[in-house]
Amino acid sequence: MNQIFEEISKIGIIPVVVIDNASDAIPLADALSQGGLNCAEITFRTAAAEDSLRIISSKFPEIIAGAGTVLTVEQAEKAYDSGAKFIVAPGFNPKIAEYCIKKSIPFAPGVMTPSEVSLAVDYGFDVLKFFPAEISGGVNMLKTYQSPFSNVKFIPTGGINAENLREYLECRNVLACGGSWMVKQNLIMQKNFYEIKNLAAQAVKTVCSVREK
């Protein structure tokens, strides 16, 4: 497994961030860091994503900052140039996969079905985004994948929150959980970074309680 994903595995959570204004990047990153959550996936759904990723990558080297919702090679290039330490996609795009392999960028393509998992494994990927997690079978599906795909770790994303986080983290093939409940878009827009810090700290506490077992 790639070293970056090993570090993310230790953290246990990837905050999925939708940021509309790059000026919020620094206080957001500071809130996550103060909450003990040194990881962030900046989704490429907004015009501010590229600048936000560049700011966080340069100003907060302790944070493992990556790019999410990457749909094209062009977006992958922008993410790479902005300092992304990893890239996540909602589905499997062979062109993005080949670009990330060429550039040695840690890449977690999105999968849902056994066929998609098999395709990603054939490309050499052993960390995959399971998306959308909850409506695709959730924990039960992940447990089903443990035997046929014993060397694969998953990042379940989609429908994960503070209430079901523990259940997902207890699956032995879960590398980390992706979620936005601690970095909701409205919290960022309202500049409620204090609440983000508290929610991040609570999420970290849950991870620690699971890992201590």
N, C-alpha and C. Protein backbone atom coordinates (compact mmCIF):
# COMPACT_ATOMS: atom_id res chain seq x y z
N MET A 1 0.84 -1.20 0.00
CA MET A 1 0.00 0.00 0.00
C MET A 1 0.87 1.25 0.00
N ASN A 2 0.43 2.25 -0.72
CA ASN A 2 1.15 3.51 -0.78
C ASN A 2 1.27 4.15 0.60
N GLN A 3 2.40 4.83 0.84
CA GLN A 3 2.66 5.45 2.15
C GLN A 3 1.59 6.47 2.55
N ILE A 4 1.11 7.24 1.59
CA ILE A 4 0.07 8.23 1.89
C ILE A 4 -1.18 7.54 2.41
N PHE A 5 -1.59 6.46 1.77
CA PHE A 5 -2.77 5.73 2.22
C PHE A 5 -2.53 5.06 3.57
N GLU A 6 -1.30 4.68 3.84
CA GLU A 6 -0.99 4.14 5.16
C GLU A 6 -1.19 5.21 6.24
N GLU A 7 -0.78 6.43 5.93
CA GLU A 7 -0.97 7.53 6.87
C GLU A 7 -2.46 7.84 7.05
N ILE A 8 -3.20 7.81 5.96
CA ILE A 8 -4.64 8.05 6.04
C ILE A 8 -5.32 6.96 6.85
N SER A 9 -4.83 5.74 6.71
CA SER A 9 -5.38 4.62 7.48
C SER A 9 -5.24 4.87 8.98
N LYS A 10 -4.14 5.47 9.38
CA LYS A 10 -3.92 5.78 10.79
C LYS A 10 -4.90 6.86 11.27
N ILE A 11 -5.24 7.78 10.39
CA ILE A 11 -6.18 8.84 10.74
C ILE A 11 -7.60 8.30 10.81
N GLY A 12 -7.97 7.48 9.84
CA GLY A 12 -9.26 6.79 9.88
C GLY A 12 -10.44 7.52 9.25
N ILE A 13 -10.28 8.81 8.97
CA ILE A 13 -11.38 9.61 8.41
C ILE A 13 -10.82 10.57 7.36
N ILE A 14 -11.58 10.72 6.27
CA ILE A 14 -11.24 11.72 5.26
C ILE A 14 -12.41 12.70 5.17
N PRO A 15 -12.25 13.91 5.69
CA PRO A 15 -13.30 14.91 5.55
C PRO A 15 -13.47 15.29 4.08
N VAL A 16 -14.68 15.17 3.57
CA VAL A 16 -14.97 15.50 2.17
C VAL A 16 -15.47 16.94 2.13
N VAL A 17 -14.64 17.82 1.60
CA VAL A 17 -14.87 19.27 1.71
C VAL A 17 -15.34 19.87 0.39
N VAL A 18 -16.46 20.60 0.46
CA VAL A 18 -16.93 21.41 -0.66
C VAL A 18 -16.75 22.86 -0.24
N ILE A 19 -15.84 23.55 -0.88
CA ILE A 19 -15.52 24.91 -0.46
C ILE A 19 -15.78 25.89 -1.61
N ASP A 20 -16.56 26.93 -1.32
CA ASP A 20 -16.97 27.89 -2.34
C ASP A 20 -16.08 29.11 -2.41
N ASN A 21 -15.34 29.38 -1.35
CA ASN A 21 -14.51 30.58 -1.29
C ASN A 21 -13.13 30.21 -0.77
N ALA A 22 -12.12 30.43 -1.57
CA ALA A 22 -10.75 30.05 -1.18
C ALA A 22 -10.28 30.76 0.09
N SER A 23 -10.91 31.88 0.43
CA SER A 23 -10.52 32.59 1.66
C SER A 23 -10.88 31.79 2.91
N ASP A 24 -11.74 30.79 2.75
CA ASP A 24 -12.10 29.94 3.89
C ASP A 24 -11.13 28.77 4.08
N ALA A 25 -10.20 28.60 3.16
CA ALA A 25 -9.31 27.44 3.21
C ALA A 25 -8.45 27.41 4.47
N ILE A 26 -7.86 28.54 4.83
CA ILE A 26 -6.97 28.57 6.00
C ILE A 26 -7.73 28.34 7.30
N PRO A 27 -8.81 29.06 7.59
CA PRO A 27 -9.53 28.78 8.84
C PRO A 27 -10.13 27.37 8.89
N LEU A 28 -10.51 26.84 7.74
CA LEU A 28 -11.03 25.48 7.70
C LEU A 28 -9.94 24.48 8.06
N ALA A 29 -8.80 24.60 7.41
CA ALA A 29 -7.68 23.70 7.68
C ALA A 29 -7.24 23.82 9.14
N ASP A 30 -7.24 25.05 9.65
CA ASP A 30 -6.86 25.27 11.05
C ASP A 30 -7.83 24.58 11.99
N ALA A 31 -9.13 24.64 11.67
CA ALA A 31 -10.14 23.99 12.51
C ALA A 31 -9.97 22.47 12.51
N LEU A 32 -9.72 21.90 11.34
CA LEU A 32 -9.51 20.46 11.25
C LEU A 32 -8.27 20.05 12.03
N SER A 33 -7.21 20.82 11.87
CA SER A 33 -5.96 20.52 12.57
C SER A 33 -6.13 20.61 14.08
N GLN A 34 -6.81 21.65 14.54
CA GLN A 34 -7.05 21.79 15.98
C GLN A 34 -7.93 20.67 16.52
N GLY A 35 -8.80 20.15 15.65
CA GLY A 35 -9.64 19.03 16.05
C GLY A 35 -8.92 17.69 15.99
N GLY A 36 -7.68 17.70 15.53
CA GLY A 36 -6.89 16.48 15.46
C GLY A 36 -7.09 15.68 14.20
N LEU A 37 -7.70 16.29 13.19
CA LEU A 37 -8.01 15.59 11.95
C LEU A 37 -7.16 16.17 10.82
N ASN A 38 -5.99 15.60 10.63
CA ASN A 38 -5.03 16.15 9.67
C ASN A 38 -5.15 15.51 8.29
N CYS A 39 -6.34 15.62 7.74
CA CYS A 39 -6.59 15.10 6.41
C CYS A 39 -7.77 15.85 5.81
N ALA A 40 -7.77 16.02 4.49
CA ALA A 40 -8.90 16.69 3.84
C ALA A 40 -8.93 16.33 2.37
N GLU A 41 -10.12 16.03 1.90
CA GLU A 41 -10.34 15.80 0.46
C GLU A 41 -11.11 17.00 -0.08
N ILE A 42 -10.43 17.83 -0.87
CA ILE A 42 -11.06 19.01 -1.45
C ILE A 42 -11.72 18.59 -2.76
N THR A 43 -13.04 18.62 -2.77
CA THR A 43 -13.75 18.16 -3.96
C THR A 43 -13.71 19.19 -5.08
N PHE A 44 -13.48 18.71 -6.29
CA PHE A 44 -13.39 19.59 -7.45
C PHE A 44 -14.78 19.84 -8.03
N ARG A 45 -15.68 20.30 -7.15
CA ARG A 45 -17.04 20.63 -7.58
C ARG A 45 -17.25 22.13 -7.67
N THR A 46 -16.30 22.91 -7.18
CA THR A 46 -16.45 24.36 -7.17
C THR A 46 -15.23 25.02 -7.81
N ALA A 47 -15.42 26.27 -8.20
CA ALA A 47 -14.34 27.03 -8.84
C ALA A 47 -13.21 27.31 -7.86
N ALA A 48 -13.51 27.25 -6.56
CA ALA A 48 -12.50 27.57 -5.54
C ALA A 48 -11.66 26.37 -5.14
N ALA A 49 -11.97 25.21 -5.67
CA ALA A 49 -11.30 23.98 -5.23
C ALA A 49 -9.79 24.01 -5.46
N GLU A 50 -9.40 24.40 -6.67
CA GLU A 50 -7.98 24.38 -7.02
C GLU A 50 -7.17 25.30 -6.12
N ASP A 51 -7.61 26.54 -5.95
CA ASP A 51 -6.89 27.49 -5.09
C ASP A 51 -6.91 27.03 -3.64
N SER A 52 -8.04 26.50 -3.19
CA SER A 52 -8.16 26.04 -1.80
C SER A 52 -7.17 24.92 -1.52
N LEU A 53 -7.07 23.98 -2.46
CA LEU A 53 -6.13 22.88 -2.30
C LEU A 53 -4.70 23.38 -2.27
N ARG A 54 -4.38 24.34 -3.13
CA ARG A 54 -3.02 24.88 -3.18
C ARG A 54 -2.69 25.58 -1.86
N ILE A 55 -3.63 26.32 -1.32
CA ILE A 55 -3.41 27.05 -0.06
C ILE A 55 -3.17 26.07 1.09
N ILE A 56 -4.04 25.08 1.20
CA ILE A 56 -3.91 24.13 2.30
C ILE A 56 -2.63 23.32 2.18
N SER A 57 -2.29 22.91 0.97
CA SER A 57 -1.07 22.12 0.76
C SER A 57 0.19 22.89 1.14
N SER A 58 0.18 24.19 0.87
CA SER A 58 1.38 24.99 1.14
C SER A 58 1.45 25.50 2.58
N LYS A 59 0.29 25.86 3.14
CA LYS A 59 0.27 26.47 4.47
C LYS A 59 0.17 25.45 5.60
N PHE A 60 -0.33 24.25 5.28
CA PHE A 60 -0.53 23.24 6.32
C PHE A 60 0.10 21.91 5.88
N PRO A 61 1.43 21.83 5.92
CA PRO A 61 2.10 20.61 5.47
C PRO A 61 1.76 19.39 6.31
N GLU A 62 1.27 19.61 7.52
CA GLU A 62 0.91 18.48 8.38
C GLU A 62 -0.40 17.82 7.95
N ILE A 63 -1.17 18.52 7.11
CA ILE A 63 -2.44 17.98 6.64
C ILE A 63 -2.25 17.24 5.32
N ILE A 64 -2.75 16.03 5.27
CA ILE A 64 -2.72 15.25 4.02
C ILE A 64 -3.89 15.74 3.17
N ALA A 65 -3.60 16.64 2.26
CA ALA A 65 -4.64 17.25 1.44
C ALA A 65 -4.68 16.61 0.06
N GLY A 66 -5.88 16.19 -0.33
CA GLY A 66 -6.04 15.56 -1.63
C GLY A 66 -7.21 16.16 -2.38
N ALA A 67 -7.46 15.64 -3.56
CA ALA A 67 -8.54 16.13 -4.41
C ALA A 67 -9.58 15.04 -4.60
N GLY A 68 -10.86 15.44 -4.55
CA GLY A 68 -11.94 14.50 -4.74
C GLY A 68 -12.85 14.91 -5.87
N THR A 69 -13.78 14.03 -6.21
CA THR A 69 -14.72 14.24 -7.33
C THR A 69 -13.95 14.63 -8.59
N VAL A 70 -12.85 13.93 -8.82
CA VAL A 70 -12.04 14.17 -10.01
C VAL A 70 -12.62 13.33 -11.15
N LEU A 71 -13.11 14.01 -12.18
CA LEU A 71 -13.83 13.35 -13.26
C LEU A 71 -13.07 13.31 -14.58
N THR A 72 -12.03 14.13 -14.70
CA THR A 72 -11.29 14.20 -15.95
C THR A 72 -9.78 14.24 -15.68
N VAL A 73 -9.02 13.93 -16.72
CA VAL A 73 -7.57 14.01 -16.60
C VAL A 73 -7.14 15.45 -16.36
N GLU A 74 -7.85 16.39 -16.98
CA GLU A 74 -7.54 17.81 -16.78
C GLU A 74 -7.66 18.19 -15.30
N GLN A 75 -8.71 17.72 -14.64
CA GLN A 75 -8.86 17.99 -13.22
C GLN A 75 -7.76 17.31 -12.42
N ALA A 76 -7.40 16.11 -12.81
CA ALA A 76 -6.31 15.40 -12.12
C ALA A 76 -5.00 16.17 -12.25
N GLU A 77 -4.76 16.74 -13.42
CA GLU A 77 -3.55 17.54 -13.64
C GLU A 77 -3.56 18.78 -12.74
N LYS A 78 -4.71 19.46 -12.67
CA LYS A 78 -4.82 20.64 -11.83
C LYS A 78 -4.63 20.28 -10.36
N ALA A 79 -5.18 19.16 -9.95
CA ALA A 79 -5.02 18.70 -8.57
C ALA A 79 -3.56 18.42 -8.26
N TYR A 80 -2.90 17.74 -9.16
CA TYR A 80 -1.48 17.42 -8.99
C TYR A 80 -0.64 18.69 -8.90
N ASP A 81 -0.91 19.63 -9.81
CA ASP A 81 -0.17 20.90 -9.82
C ASP A 81 -0.45 21.74 -8.58
N SER A 82 -1.60 21.51 -7.94
CA SER A 82 -1.98 22.26 -6.74
C SER A 82 -1.47 21.62 -5.46
N GLY A 83 -0.76 20.51 -5.60
CA GLY A 83 -0.14 19.88 -4.43
C GLY A 83 -0.92 18.73 -3.82
N ALA A 84 -1.88 18.19 -4.55
CA ALA A 84 -2.66 17.07 -4.01
C ALA A 84 -1.76 15.89 -3.69
N LYS A 85 -1.91 15.36 -2.49
CA LYS A 85 -1.14 14.19 -2.09
C LYS A 85 -1.83 12.90 -2.46
N PHE A 86 -3.10 12.99 -2.81
CA PHE A 86 -3.85 11.84 -3.29
C PHE A 86 -5.04 12.34 -4.11
N ILE A 87 -5.60 11.46 -4.91
CA ILE A 87 -6.75 11.79 -5.74
C ILE A 87 -7.82 10.72 -5.57
N VAL A 88 -9.06 11.18 -5.48
CA VAL A 88 -10.20 10.27 -5.33
C VAL A 88 -11.21 10.59 -6.42
N ALA A 89 -11.81 9.54 -6.98
CA ALA A 89 -12.83 9.73 -8.02
C ALA A 89 -14.08 8.96 -7.63
N PRO A 90 -15.25 9.42 -8.06
CA PRO A 90 -16.49 8.71 -7.72
C PRO A 90 -16.67 7.42 -8.50
N GLY A 91 -15.95 7.29 -9.62
CA GLY A 91 -16.04 6.09 -10.44
C GLY A 91 -14.68 5.71 -10.97
N PHE A 92 -14.65 4.66 -11.83
CA PHE A 92 -13.38 4.23 -12.41
C PHE A 92 -13.25 4.76 -13.83
N ASN A 93 -12.32 5.69 -14.01
CA ASN A 93 -12.02 6.25 -15.33
C ASN A 93 -10.61 5.79 -15.71
N PRO A 94 -10.49 4.91 -16.71
CA PRO A 94 -9.17 4.39 -17.08
C PRO A 94 -8.15 5.47 -17.40
N LYS A 95 -8.60 6.57 -18.02
CA LYS A 95 -7.66 7.63 -18.37
C LYS A 95 -7.07 8.29 -17.13
N ILE A 96 -7.92 8.53 -16.12
CA ILE A 96 -7.42 9.10 -14.86
C ILE A 96 -6.52 8.11 -14.16
N ALA A 97 -6.91 6.85 -14.19
CA ALA A 97 -6.10 5.80 -13.56
C ALA A 97 -4.71 5.76 -14.18
N GLU A 98 -4.64 5.80 -15.49
CA GLU A 98 -3.35 5.74 -16.19
C GLU A 98 -2.52 6.99 -15.91
N TYR A 99 -3.17 8.14 -15.82
CA TYR A 99 -2.45 9.38 -15.50
C TYR A 99 -1.83 9.29 -14.11
N CYS A 100 -2.60 8.83 -13.14
CA CYS A 100 -2.11 8.73 -11.76
C CYS A 100 -0.98 7.70 -11.64
N ILE A 101 -1.10 6.62 -12.38
CA ILE A 101 -0.03 5.62 -12.38
C ILE A 101 1.25 6.23 -12.95
N LYS A 102 1.12 6.96 -14.06
CA LYS A 102 2.27 7.60 -14.71
C LYS A 102 2.95 8.59 -13.79
N LYS A 103 2.14 9.35 -13.03
CA LYS A 103 2.68 10.39 -12.14
C LYS A 103 2.96 9.88 -10.73
N SER A 104 2.68 8.60 -10.49
CA SER A 104 2.86 8.01 -9.15
C SER A 104 2.04 8.73 -8.09
N ILE A 105 0.82 9.10 -8.46
CA ILE A 105 -0.09 9.76 -7.53
C ILE A 105 -0.98 8.71 -6.87
N PRO A 106 -1.05 8.66 -5.55
CA PRO A 106 -1.98 7.74 -4.89
C PRO A 106 -3.40 8.01 -5.36
N PHE A 107 -4.06 6.99 -5.90
CA PHE A 107 -5.37 7.17 -6.50
C PHE A 107 -6.34 6.13 -5.97
N ALA A 108 -7.51 6.61 -5.52
CA ALA A 108 -8.57 5.71 -5.05
C ALA A 108 -9.77 5.88 -5.97
N PRO A 109 -9.90 5.03 -6.98
CA PRO A 109 -11.05 5.13 -7.88
C PRO A 109 -12.31 4.64 -7.20
N GLY A 110 -13.43 5.18 -7.60
CA GLY A 110 -14.70 4.77 -7.02
C GLY A 110 -15.20 3.47 -7.63
N VAL A 111 -15.70 2.57 -6.78
CA VAL A 111 -16.26 1.30 -7.23
C VAL A 111 -17.53 1.02 -6.45
N MET A 112 -18.38 0.17 -7.03
CA MET A 112 -19.59 -0.24 -6.34
C MET A 112 -19.83 -1.73 -6.50
N THR A 113 -19.59 -2.25 -7.70
CA THR A 113 -19.89 -3.65 -8.00
C THR A 113 -18.63 -4.51 -7.98
N PRO A 114 -18.79 -5.83 -7.87
CA PRO A 114 -17.63 -6.74 -7.94
C PRO A 114 -16.84 -6.58 -9.24
N SER A 115 -17.54 -6.33 -10.33
CA SER A 115 -16.84 -6.16 -11.61
C SER A 115 -15.94 -4.93 -11.59
N GLU A 116 -16.43 -3.85 -10.98
CA GLU A 116 -15.63 -2.62 -10.90
C GLU A 116 -14.43 -2.83 -9.97
N VAL A 117 -14.64 -3.54 -8.89
CA VAL A 117 -13.51 -3.85 -7.99
C VAL A 117 -12.47 -4.66 -8.73
N SER A 118 -12.93 -5.66 -9.48
CA SER A 118 -12.01 -6.52 -10.24
C SER A 118 -11.21 -5.72 -11.26
N LEU A 119 -11.87 -4.79 -11.93
CA LEU A 119 -11.19 -3.95 -12.92
C LEU A 119 -10.11 -3.10 -12.26
N ALA A 120 -10.45 -2.49 -11.13
CA ALA A 120 -9.48 -1.66 -10.41
C ALA A 120 -8.29 -2.48 -9.92
N VAL A 121 -8.57 -3.67 -9.43
CA VAL A 121 -7.49 -4.56 -8.97
C VAL A 121 -6.58 -4.93 -10.14
N ASP A 122 -7.17 -5.16 -11.30
CA ASP A 122 -6.40 -5.50 -12.49
C ASP A 122 -5.45 -4.38 -12.89
N TYR A 123 -5.83 -3.14 -12.59
CA TYR A 123 -4.97 -2.00 -12.85
C TYR A 123 -3.89 -1.84 -11.77
N GLY A 124 -3.99 -2.61 -10.72
CA GLY A 124 -2.98 -2.56 -9.66
C GLY A 124 -3.35 -1.75 -8.44
N PHE A 125 -4.61 -1.31 -8.34
CA PHE A 125 -5.04 -0.51 -7.20
C PHE A 125 -5.52 -1.42 -6.07
N ASP A 126 -5.08 -1.11 -4.86
CA ASP A 126 -5.51 -1.90 -3.70
C ASP A 126 -6.23 -1.06 -2.65
N VAL A 127 -6.43 0.22 -2.94
CA VAL A 127 -7.26 1.09 -2.10
C VAL A 127 -8.32 1.69 -3.00
N LEU A 128 -9.59 1.42 -2.70
CA LEU A 128 -10.68 1.84 -3.56
C LEU A 128 -11.74 2.58 -2.77
N LYS A 129 -12.36 3.55 -3.41
CA LYS A 129 -13.48 4.26 -2.80
C LYS A 129 -14.75 3.46 -3.05
N PHE A 130 -15.43 3.08 -1.99
CA PHE A 130 -16.71 2.38 -2.13
C PHE A 130 -17.80 3.43 -2.08
N PHE A 131 -18.44 3.66 -3.23
CA PHE A 131 -19.37 4.78 -3.36
C PHE A 131 -20.51 4.44 -4.32
N PRO A 132 -21.72 4.88 -3.99
CA PRO A 132 -22.19 5.46 -2.71
C PRO A 132 -22.42 4.35 -1.69
N ALA A 133 -21.78 4.44 -0.57
CA ALA A 133 -21.70 3.33 0.38
C ALA A 133 -23.04 2.84 0.92
N GLU A 134 -23.79 3.74 1.53
CA GLU A 134 -25.00 3.30 2.25
C GLU A 134 -26.03 2.67 1.32
N ILE A 135 -26.27 3.25 0.17
CA ILE A 135 -27.30 2.71 -0.70
C ILE A 135 -26.79 1.58 -1.59
N SER A 136 -25.51 1.24 -1.44
CA SER A 136 -24.93 0.15 -2.22
C SER A 136 -24.67 -1.09 -1.37
N GLY A 137 -25.32 -1.16 -0.24
CA GLY A 137 -25.15 -2.33 0.62
C GLY A 137 -24.40 -2.06 1.90
N GLY A 138 -23.75 -0.91 1.97
CA GLY A 138 -23.10 -0.48 3.21
C GLY A 138 -22.15 -1.50 3.82
N VAL A 139 -22.24 -1.64 5.11
CA VAL A 139 -21.36 -2.53 5.86
C VAL A 139 -21.50 -3.97 5.40
N ASN A 140 -22.72 -4.41 5.11
CA ASN A 140 -22.93 -5.79 4.67
C ASN A 140 -22.20 -6.08 3.36
N MET A 141 -22.22 -5.14 2.43
CA MET A 141 -21.51 -5.34 1.17
C MET A 141 -20.00 -5.39 1.41
N LEU A 142 -19.51 -4.51 2.26
CA LEU A 142 -18.07 -4.51 2.56
C LEU A 142 -17.64 -5.83 3.18
N LYS A 143 -18.46 -6.37 4.06
CA LYS A 143 -18.14 -7.67 4.66
C LYS A 143 -18.16 -8.78 3.61
N THR A 144 -19.05 -8.68 2.65
CA THR A 144 -19.12 -9.66 1.56
C THR A 144 -17.85 -9.62 0.72
N TYR A 145 -17.26 -8.43 0.57
CA TYR A 145 -16.06 -8.28 -0.23
C TYR A 145 -14.79 -8.78 0.47
N GLN A 146 -14.87 -9.05 1.76
CA GLN A 146 -13.67 -9.41 2.51
C GLN A 146 -12.99 -10.67 2.00
N SER A 147 -13.77 -11.66 1.61
CA SER A 147 -13.18 -12.93 1.15
C SER A 147 -12.66 -12.87 -0.28
N PRO A 148 -13.51 -12.50 -1.27
CA PRO A 148 -13.00 -12.51 -2.65
C PRO A 148 -11.95 -11.44 -2.93
N PHE A 149 -11.99 -10.35 -2.18
CA PHE A 149 -11.04 -9.25 -2.40
C PHE A 149 -10.26 -8.99 -1.11
N SER A 150 -9.58 -10.02 -0.66
CA SER A 150 -8.93 -9.97 0.66
C SER A 150 -7.78 -8.98 0.73
N ASN A 151 -7.21 -8.59 -0.41
CA ASN A 151 -6.07 -7.67 -0.40
C ASN A 151 -6.47 -6.22 -0.66
N VAL A 152 -7.78 -5.97 -0.74
CA VAL A 152 -8.26 -4.63 -1.04
C VAL A 152 -8.78 -3.93 0.21
N LYS A 153 -8.42 -2.66 0.34
CA LYS A 153 -8.97 -1.82 1.40
C LYS A 153 -9.90 -0.79 0.77
N PHE A 154 -10.96 -0.47 1.48
CA PHE A 154 -11.97 0.43 0.93
C PHE A 154 -12.09 1.72 1.74
N ILE A 155 -12.46 2.79 1.03
CA ILE A 155 -12.81 4.06 1.65
C ILE A 155 -14.29 4.27 1.39
N PRO A 156 -15.15 3.76 2.27
CA PRO A 156 -16.59 3.95 2.06
C PRO A 156 -16.96 5.43 2.21
N THR A 157 -17.76 5.91 1.28
CA THR A 157 -18.18 7.31 1.27
C THR A 157 -19.60 7.38 0.72
N GLY A 158 -20.40 8.24 1.32
CA GLY A 158 -21.78 8.39 0.87
C GLY A 158 -22.74 7.85 1.90
N GLY A 159 -23.32 8.76 2.68
CA GLY A 159 -24.26 8.34 3.71
C GLY A 159 -23.63 8.01 5.05
N ILE A 160 -22.34 8.26 5.18
CA ILE A 160 -21.66 7.98 6.45
C ILE A 160 -21.72 9.23 7.32
N ASN A 161 -22.02 9.02 8.60
CA ASN A 161 -22.17 10.13 9.53
C ASN A 161 -21.69 9.72 10.92
N ALA A 162 -21.88 10.59 11.87
CA ALA A 162 -21.40 10.32 13.23
C ALA A 162 -22.08 9.10 13.84
N GLU A 163 -23.30 8.81 13.39
CA GLU A 163 -24.07 7.71 13.98
C GLU A 163 -23.60 6.34 13.49
N ASN A 164 -23.23 6.22 12.22
CA ASN A 164 -22.83 4.91 11.70
C ASN A 164 -21.32 4.77 11.46
N LEU A 165 -20.55 5.80 11.81
CA LEU A 165 -19.10 5.78 11.60
C LEU A 165 -18.45 4.58 12.26
N ARG A 166 -18.80 4.32 13.49
CA ARG A 166 -18.17 3.22 14.23
C ARG A 166 -18.38 1.88 13.51
N GLU A 167 -19.59 1.66 13.04
CA GLU A 167 -19.92 0.40 12.38
C GLU A 167 -19.03 0.18 11.15
N TYR A 168 -18.80 1.23 10.40
CA TYR A 168 -17.94 1.11 9.21
C TYR A 168 -16.48 0.89 9.61
N LEU A 169 -16.01 1.64 10.59
CA LEU A 169 -14.61 1.52 11.00
C LEU A 169 -14.28 0.14 11.55
N GLU A 170 -15.28 -0.55 12.05
CA GLU A 170 -15.06 -1.89 12.61
C GLU A 170 -14.90 -2.95 11.54
N CYS A 171 -15.18 -2.62 10.27
CA CYS A 171 -14.96 -3.57 9.17
C CYS A 171 -13.45 -3.67 8.90
N ARG A 172 -12.95 -4.86 8.86
CA ARG A 172 -11.49 -5.02 8.76
C ARG A 172 -10.94 -4.61 7.39
N ASN A 173 -11.79 -4.48 6.38
CA ASN A 173 -11.29 -4.05 5.07
C ASN A 173 -11.55 -2.57 4.80
N VAL A 174 -11.87 -1.80 5.83
CA VAL A 174 -12.05 -0.35 5.68
C VAL A 174 -10.76 0.37 6.06
N LEU A 175 -10.21 1.09 5.10
CA LEU A 175 -9.00 1.87 5.35
C LEU A 175 -9.32 3.12 6.15
N ALA A 176 -10.34 3.82 5.71
CA ALA A 176 -10.80 5.06 6.35
C ALA A 176 -12.19 5.36 5.80
N CYS A 177 -12.91 6.20 6.51
CA CYS A 177 -14.26 6.57 6.07
C CYS A 177 -14.25 8.00 5.54
N GLY A 178 -14.90 8.19 4.41
CA GLY A 178 -15.05 9.53 3.86
C GLY A 178 -16.40 10.09 4.24
N GLY A 179 -16.44 11.35 4.62
CA GLY A 179 -17.71 11.95 5.02
C GLY A 179 -17.63 13.45 5.13
N SER A 180 -18.79 14.08 5.09
CA SER A 180 -18.83 15.54 5.13
C SER A 180 -19.54 16.10 6.34
N TRP A 181 -19.96 15.21 7.26
CA TRP A 181 -20.77 15.70 8.38
C TRP A 181 -20.02 16.67 9.28
N MET A 182 -18.71 16.58 9.34
CA MET A 182 -17.96 17.51 10.20
C MET A 182 -17.52 18.77 9.44
N VAL A 183 -17.72 18.77 8.11
CA VAL A 183 -17.33 19.93 7.30
C VAL A 183 -18.46 20.30 6.35
N LYS A 184 -19.67 20.29 6.86
CA LYS A 184 -20.83 20.60 6.02
C LYS A 184 -20.66 21.95 5.35
N GLN A 185 -21.12 22.01 4.12
CA GLN A 185 -20.95 23.23 3.32
C GLN A 185 -21.54 24.45 4.01
N ASN A 186 -22.69 24.27 4.69
CA ASN A 186 -23.30 25.43 5.35
C ASN A 186 -22.47 25.91 6.53
N LEU A 187 -21.77 24.98 7.21
CA LEU A 187 -20.91 25.38 8.32
C LEU A 187 -19.74 26.23 7.81
N ILE A 188 -19.20 25.85 6.66
CA ILE A 188 -18.10 26.62 6.07
C ILE A 188 -18.60 27.99 5.62
N MET A 189 -19.75 28.02 4.96
CA MET A 189 -20.29 29.28 4.47
C MET A 189 -20.64 30.24 5.61
N GLN A 190 -21.09 29.65 6.76
CA GLN A 190 -21.40 30.45 7.94
C GLN A 190 -20.16 30.79 8.75
N LYS A 191 -19.02 30.26 8.31
CA LYS A 191 -17.74 30.45 8.99
C LYS A 191 -17.79 29.96 10.44
N ASN A 192 -18.51 28.87 10.64
CA ASN A 192 -18.63 28.26 11.96
C ASN A 192 -17.52 27.25 12.16
N PHE A 193 -16.30 27.74 12.17
CA PHE A 193 -15.14 26.86 12.24
C PHE A 193 -14.97 26.25 13.63
N TYR A 194 -15.55 26.91 14.62
CA TYR A 194 -15.52 26.34 15.98
C TYR A 194 -16.28 25.02 16.01
N GLU A 195 -17.44 24.99 15.36
CA GLU A 195 -18.24 23.77 15.31
C GLU A 195 -17.53 22.69 14.49
N ILE A 196 -16.88 23.10 13.42
CA ILE A 196 -16.11 22.15 12.61
C ILE A 196 -15.01 21.51 13.45
N LYS A 197 -14.33 22.33 14.23
CA LYS A 197 -13.28 21.80 15.10
C LYS A 197 -13.86 20.79 16.09
N ASN A 198 -15.00 21.10 16.68
CA ASN A 198 -15.61 20.19 17.65
C ASN A 198 -16.07 18.89 17.00
N LEU A 199 -16.67 18.98 15.84
CA LEU A 199 -17.13 17.78 15.13
C LEU A 199 -15.95 16.92 14.69
N ALA A 200 -14.87 17.57 14.29
CA ALA A 200 -13.66 16.84 13.91
C ALA A 200 -13.10 16.09 15.11
N ALA A 201 -13.07 16.77 16.25
CA ALA A 201 -12.55 16.15 17.48
C ALA A 201 -13.40 14.95 17.90
N GLN A 202 -14.71 15.07 17.74
CA GLN A 202 -15.60 13.96 18.08
C GLN A 202 -15.36 12.77 17.16
N ALA A 203 -15.14 13.05 15.88
CA ALA A 203 -14.88 11.97 14.92
C ALA A 203 -13.57 11.26 15.25
N VAL A 204 -12.56 12.04 15.60
CA VAL A 204 -11.27 11.46 15.99
C VAL A 204 -11.42 10.59 17.23
N LYS A 205 -12.23 11.04 18.16
CA LYS A 205 -12.49 10.27 19.38
C LYS A 205 -13.12 8.92 19.06
N THR A 206 -14.04 8.92 18.10
CA THR A 206 -14.67 7.66 17.69
C THR A 206 -13.64 6.71 17.08
N VAL A 207 -12.78 7.24 16.23
CA VAL A 207 -11.73 6.42 15.63
C VAL A 207 -10.85 5.80 16.71
N CYS A 208 -10.44 6.61 17.65
CA CYS A 208 -9.56 6.12 18.73
C CYS A 208 -10.24 5.03 19.55
N SER A 209 -11.53 5.18 19.81
CA SER A 209 -12.23 4.20 20.63
C SER A 209 -12.35 2.86 19.89
N VAL A 210 -12.47 2.92 18.55
CA VAL A 210 -12.54 1.68 17.77
C VAL A 210 -11.15 1.02 17.69
N ARG A 211 -10.15 1.82 17.47
CA ARG A 211 -8.79 1.29 17.31
C ARG A 211 -8.20 0.75 18.61
N GLU A 212 -8.71 1.22 19.73
CA GLU A 212 -8.18 0.78 21.02
C GLU A 212 -8.66 -0.61 21.42
N LYS A 213 -9.66 -1.12 20.71
CA LYS A 213 -10.21 -2.44 21.05
C LYS A 213 -9.19 -3.55 20.78
